[in-house]
Amino acid sequence: MKKLILCLLLPLSLTTAMAQDAQIIQKDFQTIIGYTRKLEIDKVLDMTYPPIFKIMPKAQMSAMAKGVLTSMGIKTVYEEVPIGLTLSPVTKTATGTICLGKYNQSMILESTNSALLDMMVKAKSGSNKVEKISANKVRMKGINYLLAIKDANTAGTWKYLRYDDEDSATNERILPKDIAAGAAKLKAGLK
């Protein structure tokens, strides 16, 4: 009888845990998007999946992110647009738990170097649409993906990783195979 009750309660407790995880992930996604809009790079990196720092140390990644656009004389402003956040189901894999989020992002890049902005409009920027909106401004907007991961690398907490097409080579190097396969399935389900 005890085994029967335990068997009945186990799925209920897993469902409750997954629902709580989904709430945490949704709140964290909002937080990361807010930090990104405010250009608080170090706070975003604190929430980032740790194995990425094996490719590039956190301090170097922070300095690069802060300096790339400003060193070219480009000012970045994230537009307040409805993020339209869609979350996949929270999914268990062999080595962890994952959830994929899909959201809208739009930013204005401003520079006095109109030739640089023209190059940006002509260059393909992943799945983002780039349009010139004035002589010294371009808008870059599109749909982005963020992967939530809880595994042995995250000390039991949720950490996040960009999961856009242009990030695939990096993600292949750092994600365990089961998590990569699970994330690919989740992304196919969100399109």
C-alpha atoms as a PDB file:
ATOM      1  CA  MET A   1       0.000   0.000   0.000  1.00  0.00           C
ATOM      2  CA  LYS A   2       2.851   2.398   0.849  1.00  0.00           C
ATOM      3  CA  LYS A   3       4.428   1.732  -2.565  1.00  0.00           C
ATOM      4  CA  LEU A   4       1.149   2.524  -4.308  1.00  0.00           C
ATOM      5  CA  ILE A   5       0.778   5.820  -2.451  1.00  0.00           C
ATOM      6  CA  LEU A   6       4.421   6.681  -3.175  1.00  0.00           C
ATOM      7  CA  CYS A   7       3.925   5.892  -6.878  1.00  0.00           C
ATOM      8  CA  LEU A   8       0.900   8.181  -6.961  1.00  0.00           C
ATOM      9  CA  LEU A   9       2.633  11.044  -5.127  1.00  0.00           C
ATOM     10  CA  LEU A  10       5.896  10.961  -7.090  1.00  0.00           C
ATOM     11  CA  PRO A  11       4.429  12.283 -10.380  1.00  0.00           C
ATOM     12  CA  LEU A  12       2.569  14.988  -8.459  1.00  0.00           C
ATOM     13  CA  SER A  13       5.762  16.170  -6.739  1.00  0.00           C
ATOM     14  CA  LEU A  14       7.656  16.179 -10.063  1.00  0.00           C
ATOM     15  CA  THR A  15       4.898  18.231 -11.699  1.00  0.00           C
ATOM     16  CA  THR A  16       4.969  20.712  -8.821  1.00  0.00           C
ATOM     17  CA  ALA A  17       8.766  21.005  -9.015  1.00  0.00           C
ATOM     18  CA  MET A  18       8.633  21.580 -12.798  1.00  0.00           C
ATOM     19  CA  ALA A  19       5.968  24.291 -12.354  1.00  0.00           C
ATOM     20  CA  GLN A  20       8.131  26.016  -9.720  1.00  0.00           C
ATOM     21  CA  ASP A  21      11.138  25.780 -12.045  1.00  0.00           C
ATOM     22  CA  ALA A  22       9.106  27.377 -14.865  1.00  0.00           C
ATOM     23  CA  GLN A  23       8.212  30.307 -12.575  1.00  0.00           C
ATOM     24  CA  ILE A  24      11.859  30.778 -11.569  1.00  0.00           C
ATOM     25  CA  ILE A  25      12.998  30.612 -15.185  1.00  0.00           C
ATOM     26  CA  GLN A  26      10.387  33.127 -16.339  1.00  0.00           C
ATOM     27  CA  LYS A  27      11.442  35.561 -13.589  1.00  0.00           C
ATOM     28  CA  ASP A  28      15.138  35.043 -14.417  1.00  0.00           C
ATOM     29  CA  PHE A  29      14.494  35.637 -18.136  1.00  0.00           C
ATOM     30  CA  GLN A  30      12.836  38.959 -17.299  1.00  0.00           C
ATOM     31  CA  THR A  31      15.796  39.838 -15.066  1.00  0.00           C
ATOM     32  CA  ILE A  32      18.378  38.982 -17.749  1.00  0.00           C
ATOM     33  CA  ILE A  33      16.497  40.966 -20.372  1.00  0.00           C
ATOM     34  CA  GLY A  34      16.324  43.918 -17.967  1.00  0.00           C
ATOM     35  CA  TYR A  35      20.069  43.723 -17.265  1.00  0.00           C
ATOM     36  CA  THR A  36      20.771  43.501 -21.001  1.00  0.00           C
ATOM     37  CA  ARG A  37      18.653  46.580 -21.749  1.00  0.00           C
ATOM     38  CA  LYS A  38      20.538  48.493 -19.047  1.00  0.00           C
ATOM     39  CA  LEU A  39      23.879  47.169 -20.396  1.00  0.00           C
ATOM     40  CA  GLU A  40      24.698  45.655 -16.982  1.00  0.00           C
ATOM     41  CA  ILE A  41      26.997  43.081 -18.553  1.00  0.00           C
ATOM     42  CA  ASP A  42      28.550  41.738 -15.343  1.00  0.00           C
ATOM     43  CA  LYS A  43      25.116  40.941 -13.881  1.00  0.00           C
ATOM     44  CA  VAL A  44      24.207  39.053 -17.071  1.00  0.00           C
ATOM     45  CA  LEU A  45      27.487  37.130 -16.879  1.00  0.00           C
ATOM     46  CA  ASP A  46      26.753  36.178 -13.246  1.00  0.00           C
ATOM     47  CA  MET A  47      23.648  34.358 -14.557  1.00  0.00           C
ATOM     48  CA  THR A  48      25.496  32.726 -17.474  1.00  0.00           C
ATOM     49  CA  TYR A  49      26.169  28.983 -17.822  1.00  0.00           C
ATOM     50  CA  PRO A  50      29.680  28.577 -16.289  1.00  0.00           C
ATOM     51  CA  PRO A  51      31.306  26.255 -18.901  1.00  0.00           C
ATOM     52  CA  ILE A  52      31.324  29.160 -21.387  1.00  0.00           C
ATOM     53  CA  PHE A  53      34.061  30.749 -19.281  1.00  0.00           C
ATOM     54  CA  LYS A  54      36.386  27.888 -20.240  1.00  0.00           C
ATOM     55  CA  ILE A  55      36.347  29.316 -23.767  1.00  0.00           C
ATOM     56  CA  MET A  56      36.832  32.899 -22.641  1.00  0.00           C
ATOM     57  CA  PRO A  57      37.392  33.966 -19.021  1.00  0.00           C
ATOM     58  CA  LYS A  58      34.584  35.964 -17.457  1.00  0.00           C
ATOM     59  CA  ALA A  59      36.666  39.129 -16.993  1.00  0.00           C
ATOM     60  CA  GLN A  60      37.777  39.056 -20.623  1.00  0.00           C
ATOM     61  CA  MET A  61      34.211  38.433 -21.813  1.00  0.00           C
ATOM     62  CA  SER A  62      32.992  41.367 -19.721  1.00  0.00           C
ATOM     63  CA  ALA A  63      35.656  43.716 -21.057  1.00  0.00           C
ATOM     64  CA  MET A  64      35.002  42.615 -24.626  1.00  0.00           C
ATOM     65  CA  ALA A  65      31.229  43.018 -24.342  1.00  0.00           C
ATOM     66  CA  LYS A  66      31.582  46.464 -22.823  1.00  0.00           C
ATOM     67  CA  GLY A  67      34.222  47.642 -25.264  1.00  0.00           C
ATOM     68  CA  VAL A  68      33.350  46.254 -28.693  1.00  0.00           C
ATOM     69  CA  LEU A  69      30.664  48.661 -29.768  1.00  0.00           C
ATOM     70  CA  THR A  70      31.876  51.666 -27.781  1.00  0.00           C
ATOM     71  CA  SER A  71      35.392  51.290 -29.229  1.00  0.00           C
ATOM     72  CA  MET A  72      33.876  51.657 -32.703  1.00  0.00           C
ATOM     73  CA  GLY A  73      31.996  54.760 -31.589  1.00  0.00           C
ATOM     74  CA  ILE A  74      28.613  53.042 -31.513  1.00  0.00           C
ATOM     75  CA  LYS A  75      26.041  53.820 -28.849  1.00  0.00           C
ATOM     76  CA  THR A  76      23.568  51.003 -28.165  1.00  0.00           C
ATOM     77  CA  VAL A  77      20.057  51.543 -26.820  1.00  0.00           C
ATOM     78  CA  TYR A  78      17.718  48.601 -26.241  1.00  0.00           C
ATOM     79  CA  GLU A  79      14.186  49.510 -27.189  1.00  0.00           C
ATOM     80  CA  GLU A  80      11.302  48.785 -24.870  1.00  0.00           C
ATOM     81  CA  VAL A  81       9.292  46.349 -26.979  1.00  0.00           C
ATOM     82  CA  PRO A  82       6.907  43.604 -25.892  1.00  0.00           C
ATOM     83  CA  ILE A  83       9.237  40.664 -25.337  1.00  0.00           C
ATOM     84  CA  GLY A  84       6.613  38.070 -26.231  1.00  0.00           C
ATOM     85  CA  LEU A  85       8.373  35.487 -24.080  1.00  0.00           C
ATOM     86  CA  THR A  86       7.467  31.897 -24.877  1.00  0.00           C
ATOM     87  CA  LEU A  87       8.900  29.106 -22.750  1.00  0.00           C
ATOM     88  CA  SER A  88       9.243  25.472 -23.714  1.00  0.00           C
ATOM     89  CA  PRO A  89       8.297  22.849 -21.160  1.00  0.00           C
ATOM     90  CA  VAL A  90      10.913  22.234 -18.469  1.00  0.00           C
ATOM     91  CA  THR A  91      12.579  19.023 -19.663  1.00  0.00           C
ATOM     92  CA  LYS A  92      14.846  16.500 -17.953  1.00  0.00           C
ATOM     93  CA  THR A  93      17.823  15.053 -19.832  1.00  0.00           C
ATOM     94  CA  ALA A  94      20.323  12.409 -18.741  1.00  0.00           C
ATOM     95  CA  THR A  95      22.633  14.992 -17.124  1.00  0.00           C
ATOM     96  CA  GLY A  96      20.409  17.938 -16.298  1.00  0.00           C
ATOM     97  CA  THR A  97      17.195  19.892 -16.703  1.00  0.00           C
ATOM     98  CA  ILE A  98      16.605  22.480 -19.436  1.00  0.00           C
ATOM     99  CA  CYS A  99      14.060  24.990 -20.688  1.00  0.00           C
ATOM    100  CA  LEU A 100      14.263  27.170 -23.789  1.00  0.00           C
ATOM    101  CA  GLY A 101      12.887  30.687 -24.025  1.00  0.00           C
ATOM    102  CA  LYS A 102      12.085  32.583 -27.209  1.00  0.00           C
ATOM    103  CA  TYR A 103      11.711  36.372 -27.056  1.00  0.00           C
ATOM    104  CA  ASN A 104      11.719  39.563 -29.127  1.00  0.00           C
ATOM    105  CA  GLN A 105      14.564  42.032 -28.914  1.00  0.00           C
ATOM    106  CA  SER A 106      15.108  45.366 -30.619  1.00  0.00           C
ATOM    107  CA  MET A 107      17.987  47.794 -30.307  1.00  0.00           C
ATOM    108  CA  ILE A 108      19.060  51.055 -31.874  1.00  0.00           C
ATOM    109  CA  LEU A 109      22.716  51.447 -32.820  1.00  0.00           C
ATOM    110  CA  GLU A 110      23.824  55.041 -33.232  1.00  0.00           C
ATOM    111  CA  SER A 111      27.087  56.325 -34.734  1.00  0.00           C
ATOM    112  CA  THR A 112      28.459  59.356 -36.527  1.00  0.00           C
ATOM    113  CA  ASN A 113      30.218  56.917 -38.898  1.00  0.00           C
ATOM    114  CA  SER A 114      27.458  56.361 -41.472  1.00  0.00           C
ATOM    115  CA  ALA A 115      29.695  54.054 -43.561  1.00  0.00           C
ATOM    116  CA  LEU A 116      29.985  51.698 -40.581  1.00  0.00           C
ATOM    117  CA  LEU A 117      26.212  51.712 -40.146  1.00  0.00           C
ATOM    118  CA  ASP A 118      25.739  51.036 -43.877  1.00  0.00           C
ATOM    119  CA  MET A 119      28.038  48.000 -43.541  1.00  0.00           C
ATOM    120  CA  MET A 120      25.937  46.748 -40.633  1.00  0.00           C
ATOM    121  CA  VAL A 121      22.758  47.028 -42.703  1.00  0.00           C
ATOM    122  CA  LYS A 122      24.326  45.068 -45.581  1.00  0.00           C
ATOM    123  CA  ALA A 123      25.914  42.383 -43.362  1.00  0.00           C
ATOM    124  CA  LYS A 124      23.786  39.453 -42.235  1.00  0.00           C
ATOM    125  CA  SER A 125      23.360  39.462 -38.482  1.00  0.00           C
ATOM    126  CA  GLY A 126      21.998  36.007 -37.762  1.00  0.00           C
ATOM    127  CA  SER A 127      18.231  35.993 -37.825  1.00  0.00           C
ATOM    128  CA  ASN A 128      18.029  39.684 -36.951  1.00  0.00           C
ATOM    129  CA  LYS A 129      16.600  42.259 -39.317  1.00  0.00           C
ATOM    130  CA  VAL A 130      18.784  45.372 -39.634  1.00  0.00           C
ATOM    131  CA  GLU A 131      17.317  48.575 -41.065  1.00  0.00           C
ATOM    132  CA  LYS A 132      18.597  52.104 -41.360  1.00  0.00           C
ATOM    133  CA  ILE A 133      16.198  54.504 -39.655  1.00  0.00           C
ATOM    134  CA  SER A 134      18.191  57.729 -40.080  1.00  0.00           C
ATOM    135  CA  ALA A 135      21.610  58.870 -41.283  1.00  0.00           C
ATOM    136  CA  ASN A 136      23.212  57.955 -37.964  1.00  0.00           C
ATOM    137  CA  LYS A 137      20.943  55.177 -36.620  1.00  0.00           C
ATOM    138  CA  VAL A 138      20.092  51.583 -37.443  1.00  0.00           C
ATOM    139  CA  ARG A 139      17.584  49.288 -35.800  1.00  0.00           C
ATOM    140  CA  MET A 140      18.432  45.643 -35.217  1.00  0.00           C
ATOM    141  CA  LYS A 141      15.516  43.480 -34.208  1.00  0.00           C
ATOM    142  CA  GLY A 142      14.629  39.851 -34.193  1.00  0.00           C
ATOM    143  CA  ILE A 143      13.773  36.773 -32.219  1.00  0.00           C
ATOM    144  CA  ASN A 144      16.338  35.488 -29.753  1.00  0.00           C
ATOM    145  CA  TYR A 145      16.642  32.285 -27.739  1.00  0.00           C
ATOM    146  CA  LEU A 146      17.973  31.719 -24.250  1.00  0.00           C
ATOM    147  CA  LEU A 147      18.575  28.260 -22.816  1.00  0.00           C
ATOM    148  CA  ALA A 148      18.030  27.673 -19.083  1.00  0.00           C
ATOM    149  CA  ILE A 149      20.211  24.881 -17.703  1.00  0.00           C
ATOM    150  CA  LYS A 150      20.409  23.207 -14.315  1.00  0.00           C
ATOM    151  CA  ASP A 151      23.110  20.535 -14.128  1.00  0.00           C
ATOM    152  CA  ALA A 152      26.347  19.590 -12.347  1.00  0.00           C
ATOM    153  CA  ASN A 153      27.984  22.796 -13.648  1.00  0.00           C
ATOM    154  CA  THR A 154      25.411  25.114 -12.053  1.00  0.00           C
ATOM    155  CA  ALA A 155      25.450  23.940  -8.415  1.00  0.00           C
ATOM    156  CA  GLY A 156      21.722  23.201  -8.465  1.00  0.00           C
ATOM    157  CA  THR A 157      20.683  26.644  -9.713  1.00  0.00           C
ATOM    158  CA  TRP A 158      19.451  27.825 -13.094  1.00  0.00           C
ATOM    159  CA  LYS A 159      22.038  29.380 -15.409  1.00  0.00           C
ATOM    160  CA  TYR A 160      21.513  30.690 -18.919  1.00  0.00           C
ATOM    161  CA  LEU A 161      23.109  30.543 -22.339  1.00  0.00           C
ATOM    162  CA  ARG A 162      22.329  32.335 -25.585  1.00  0.00           C
ATOM    163  CA  TYR A 163      20.954  29.777 -27.993  1.00  0.00           C
ATOM    164  CA  ASP A 164      20.699  31.681 -31.277  1.00  0.00           C
ATOM    165  CA  ASP A 165      21.928  30.133 -34.530  1.00  0.00           C
ATOM    166  CA  GLU A 166      25.083  32.269 -34.507  1.00  0.00           C
ATOM    167  CA  ASP A 167      25.998  30.786 -31.110  1.00  0.00           C
ATOM    168  CA  SER A 168      25.781  27.154 -32.265  1.00  0.00           C
ATOM    169  CA  ALA A 169      29.526  26.546 -32.688  1.00  0.00           C
ATOM    170  CA  THR A 170      30.271  27.759 -29.156  1.00  0.00           C
ATOM    171  CA  ASN A 171      27.322  25.869 -27.689  1.00  0.00           C
ATOM    172  CA  GLU A 172      28.459  22.621 -29.344  1.00  0.00           C
ATOM    173  CA  ARG A 173      31.797  22.948 -27.546  1.00  0.00           C
ATOM    174  CA  ILE A 174      30.378  23.449 -24.057  1.00  0.00           C
ATOM    175  CA  LEU A 175      27.027  21.658 -23.843  1.00  0.00           C
ATOM    176  CA  PRO A 176      26.836  17.985 -22.889  1.00  0.00           C
ATOM    177  CA  LYS A 177      25.477  15.978 -25.838  1.00  0.00           C
ATOM    178  CA  ASP A 178      22.183  15.095 -24.135  1.00  0.00           C
ATOM    179  CA  ILE A 179      21.509  18.736 -23.254  1.00  0.00           C
ATOM    180  CA  ALA A 180      22.409  19.864 -26.793  1.00  0.00           C
ATOM    181  CA  ALA A 181      20.055  17.257 -28.279  1.00  0.00           C
ATOM    182  CA  GLY A 182      17.276  18.200 -25.854  1.00  0.00           C
ATOM    183  CA  ALA A 183      17.709  21.915 -26.575  1.00  0.00           C
ATOM    184  CA  ALA A 184      17.556  21.315 -30.341  1.00  0.00           C
ATOM    185  CA  LYS A 185      14.241  19.480 -29.890  1.00  0.00           C
ATOM    186  CA  LEU A 186      12.871  22.292 -27.717  1.00  0.00           C
ATOM    187  CA  LYS A 187      13.900  24.910 -30.296  1.00  0.00           C
ATOM    188  CA  ALA A 188      12.195  22.990 -33.093  1.00  0.00           C
ATOM    189  CA  GLY A 189       9.034  22.994 -30.963  1.00  0.00           C
ATOM    190  CA  LEU A 190       9.158  26.770 -30.387  1.00  0.00           C
ATOM    191  CA  LYS A 191       9.465  27.839 -34.041  1.00  0.00           C
END
